[in-house]
Amino acid sequence: MSQAIHLETPLTPEKVKGLKVGDNVLISGVIYTGRDAAHKKMVEALEQGEDLPFTMQDQVIYFVGPTPAKEGQVIGSAGPTTSGRMDAYSPKLIAEGLTGMIGKGLRSLEVIEAMKKYGAVYFGAIGGAGALIAKRIVSAEVIAYPELGPEAVRRLVVKDFPVIVIIDHEGNNLYEIGKAQYRRV
């Protein structure tokens, strides 16, 4: 097991270039949340020339719809959702400067091509560990689309949020590497 890379946001192009597929990363700083409904609204806003809820440049979006927080908690369970639901929207947000995405599952060729063209990475978070992951979230604030409930856009402050680089800025894909290694065995 390799030593974890401690990464502070914002996720600048220099930091993106330093990340390689398979790297264990602990993210600290501000990240944003958004699932498919929020992504759709953001892309529609861009198409209509409107401002986004936050500046996309050098930011990380976590694909999550957290459960309500219990008393004394910052946020409820906050496990990743399937990233493929954002594939129709991600290339446009990457072109706007988005440099990191956190979720689970495969990404489309179009998303990977946008990541290579603009310099972005895709991190995997562990599905089924939402309650544990939530303990790494220091604060959570709804900043846009409150009508979406759990899918509203939130500004999270995280400390040592655990992820793995699944696809790096060169398009190296841990899912493909893993399948190839399995076939050789």
Protein backbone atom coordinates (compact mmCIF):
# COMPACT_ATOMS: atom_id res chain seq x y z
CA MET A 1 0.00 0.00 0.00
CA SER A 2 1.50 3.31 -1.04
CA GLN A 3 1.76 6.32 1.24
CA ALA A 4 -1.28 8.60 0.92
CA ILE A 5 -0.85 11.93 -0.83
CA HIS A 6 -2.18 14.83 1.23
CA LEU A 7 -3.90 17.22 -1.15
CA GLU A 8 -5.23 20.69 -0.31
CA THR A 9 -7.87 22.24 -2.55
CA PRO A 10 -8.09 24.09 -4.88
CA LEU A 11 -7.00 21.35 -7.29
CA THR A 12 -4.71 23.35 -9.56
CA PRO A 13 -3.32 22.05 -12.88
CA GLU A 14 0.07 21.50 -11.21
CA LYS A 15 -1.54 19.30 -8.54
CA VAL A 16 -3.53 17.40 -11.19
CA LYS A 17 -0.33 16.60 -13.10
CA GLY A 18 1.24 15.18 -9.94
CA LEU A 19 -1.53 12.59 -9.49
CA LYS A 20 -1.24 9.16 -11.07
CA VAL A 21 -3.73 6.35 -11.43
CA GLY A 22 -3.86 4.25 -8.26
CA ASP A 23 -2.62 7.01 -5.94
CA ASN A 24 -4.24 7.06 -2.50
CA VAL A 25 -5.20 10.65 -1.73
CA LEU A 26 -6.47 12.46 1.37
CA ILE A 27 -8.25 15.67 0.32
CA SER A 28 -8.56 18.63 2.67
CA GLY A 29 -10.25 21.95 1.97
CA VAL A 30 -13.38 22.92 0.06
CA ILE A 31 -15.18 20.56 -2.31
CA TYR A 32 -18.67 20.85 -3.77
CA THR A 33 -21.48 18.34 -4.15
CA GLY A 34 -23.70 17.69 -7.10
CA ARG A 35 -25.64 14.85 -8.65
CA ASP A 36 -27.39 14.58 -11.99
CA ALA A 37 -30.23 17.06 -11.28
CA ALA A 38 -27.76 19.73 -10.12
CA HIS A 39 -25.42 19.01 -13.04
CA LYS A 40 -28.33 19.43 -15.46
CA LYS A 41 -29.20 22.80 -13.89
CA MET A 42 -25.57 23.97 -14.03
CA VAL A 43 -25.17 23.05 -17.70
CA GLU A 44 -28.49 24.75 -18.51
CA ALA A 45 -27.26 27.86 -16.69
CA LEU A 46 -24.07 27.87 -18.78
CA GLU A 47 -26.07 27.46 -21.99
CA GLN A 48 -28.24 30.44 -21.00
CA GLY A 49 -25.20 32.59 -20.14
CA GLU A 50 -25.98 32.58 -16.41
CA ASP A 51 -23.51 32.31 -13.57
CA LEU A 52 -22.84 28.99 -11.89
CA PRO A 53 -23.37 28.54 -8.14
CA PHE A 54 -19.57 28.48 -7.71
CA THR A 55 -16.56 29.12 -9.91
CA MET A 56 -15.66 25.82 -11.57
CA GLN A 57 -11.97 26.67 -12.00
CA ASP A 58 -9.74 24.23 -10.07
CA GLN A 59 -12.65 22.76 -8.10
CA VAL A 60 -13.68 19.25 -7.09
CA ILE A 61 -17.27 17.97 -7.27
CA TYR A 62 -18.33 15.01 -5.14
CA PHE A 63 -21.22 13.04 -6.65
CA VAL A 64 -23.31 12.58 -3.50
CA GLY A 65 -26.82 13.09 -2.18
CA PRO A 66 -26.28 12.94 1.57
CA THR A 67 -28.93 11.83 4.02
CA PRO A 68 -30.20 14.38 6.55
CA ALA A 69 -27.85 15.08 9.44
CA LYS A 70 -28.80 13.72 12.83
CA GLU A 71 -28.61 16.03 15.81
CA GLY A 72 -24.99 16.98 16.51
CA GLN A 73 -23.79 15.92 13.04
CA VAL A 74 -22.58 18.14 10.20
CA ILE A 75 -24.07 15.87 7.53
CA GLY A 76 -25.76 12.49 7.27
CA SER A 77 -24.37 9.48 5.46
CA ALA A 78 -22.45 10.76 2.43
CA GLY A 79 -21.45 7.86 0.21
CA PRO A 80 -20.69 8.32 -3.50
CA THR A 81 -23.29 7.85 -6.20
CA THR A 82 -22.75 6.26 -9.59
CA SER A 83 -20.73 8.69 -11.70
CA GLY A 84 -22.10 7.62 -15.07
CA ARG A 85 -25.26 9.63 -14.34
CA MET A 86 -23.16 12.80 -14.65
CA ASP A 87 -21.43 11.78 -17.91
CA ALA A 88 -23.77 13.83 -20.12
CA TYR A 89 -22.80 16.99 -18.20
CA SER A 90 -19.23 16.47 -16.99
CA PRO A 91 -17.39 17.36 -20.25
CA LYS A 92 -19.00 20.82 -20.26
CA LEU A 93 -18.05 21.45 -16.61
CA ILE A 94 -14.51 20.15 -17.19
CA ALA A 95 -14.22 22.62 -20.10
CA GLU A 96 -15.24 25.35 -17.59
CA GLY A 97 -12.24 24.45 -15.38
CA LEU A 98 -13.47 21.59 -13.17
CA THR A 99 -10.37 19.59 -12.27
CA GLY A 100 -11.65 16.84 -9.98
CA MET A 101 -14.65 14.56 -9.65
CA ILE A 102 -15.36 12.05 -6.88
CA GLY A 103 -17.77 9.15 -7.33
CA LYS A 104 -17.94 5.46 -8.07
CA GLY A 105 -18.11 3.44 -11.24
CA LEU A 106 -17.06 3.80 -14.85
CA ARG A 107 -16.89 7.03 -16.87
CA SER A 108 -17.68 7.48 -20.56
CA LEU A 109 -15.11 7.95 -23.30
CA GLU A 110 -16.33 11.55 -23.72
CA VAL A 111 -15.61 12.34 -20.07
CA ILE A 112 -12.16 10.73 -20.26
CA GLU A 113 -11.33 12.66 -23.44
CA ALA A 114 -12.37 15.94 -21.76
CA MET A 115 -10.21 15.03 -18.74
CA LYS A 116 -7.20 14.50 -21.01
CA LYS A 117 -7.85 17.66 -23.05
CA TYR A 118 -8.38 20.02 -20.10
CA GLY A 119 -6.44 18.27 -17.31
CA ALA A 120 -8.80 16.70 -14.78
CA VAL A 121 -8.85 13.60 -12.58
CA TYR A 122 -11.53 11.19 -11.42
CA PHE A 123 -11.32 9.96 -7.86
CA GLY A 124 -13.11 6.93 -6.50
CA ALA A 125 -14.65 6.93 -3.03
CA ILE A 126 -15.69 3.74 -1.33
CA GLY A 127 -19.34 2.91 -1.87
CA GLY A 128 -21.16 1.59 1.18
CA ALA A 129 -18.97 3.60 3.54
CA GLY A 130 -21.08 6.77 3.58
CA ALA A 131 -21.29 7.01 7.37
CA LEU A 132 -17.51 6.73 7.69
CA ILE A 133 -16.85 9.18 4.88
CA ALA A 134 -19.22 11.69 6.51
CA LYS A 135 -16.87 11.85 9.51
CA ARG A 136 -14.31 13.54 7.20
CA ILE A 137 -16.72 16.39 6.42
CA VAL A 138 -16.10 19.33 8.76
CA SER A 139 -18.90 21.59 7.49
CA ALA A 140 -21.70 21.51 4.93
CA GLU A 141 -23.75 24.38 3.54
CA VAL A 142 -26.37 24.34 0.76
CA ILE A 143 -25.31 27.01 -1.77
CA ALA A 144 -27.65 26.34 -4.72
CA TYR A 145 -30.81 24.57 -5.82
CA PRO A 146 -32.27 23.91 -2.34
CA GLU A 147 -35.43 22.64 -4.04
CA LEU A 148 -33.45 19.53 -5.01
CA GLY A 149 -33.26 18.42 -1.37
CA PRO A 150 -30.41 15.92 -0.95
CA GLU A 151 -29.27 16.73 -4.51
CA ALA A 152 -28.80 20.45 -3.79
CA VAL A 153 -25.32 21.84 -4.38
CA ARG A 154 -23.39 22.00 -1.13
CA ARG A 155 -20.09 23.56 -0.18
CA LEU A 156 -18.25 21.05 1.99
CA VAL A 157 -15.12 21.57 4.02
CA VAL A 158 -13.32 18.24 4.33
CA LYS A 159 -10.31 17.00 6.27
CA ASP A 160 -8.37 13.97 5.02
CA PHE A 161 -11.23 12.82 2.79
CA PRO A 162 -10.08 9.40 1.46
CA VAL A 163 -10.12 8.76 -2.30
CA ILE A 164 -8.17 6.84 -4.95
CA VAL A 165 -7.19 8.21 -8.37
CA ILE A 166 -9.26 6.03 -10.73
CA ILE A 167 -8.53 7.97 -13.94
CA ASP A 168 -5.64 10.42 -14.15
CA HIS A 169 -5.21 13.42 -16.45
CA GLU A 170 -3.51 11.24 -19.07
CA GLY A 171 -6.52 8.91 -19.27
CA ASN A 172 -4.88 6.01 -17.43
CA ASN A 173 -7.82 4.06 -16.01
CA LEU A 174 -7.54 1.85 -12.92
CA TYR A 175 -10.61 -0.15 -14.00
CA GLU A 176 -8.96 -1.02 -17.32
CA ILE A 177 -5.57 -1.71 -15.71
CA GLY A 178 -7.22 -4.02 -13.17
CA LYS A 179 -9.05 -5.98 -15.88
CA ALA A 180 -5.84 -6.36 -17.90
CA GLN A 181 -3.93 -7.60 -14.85
CA TYR A 182 -6.69 -10.08 -14.06
CA ARG A 183 -6.62 -11.47 -17.63
CA ARG A 184 -2.84 -12.09 -17.34
CA VAL A 185 -3.20 -14.18 -14.20
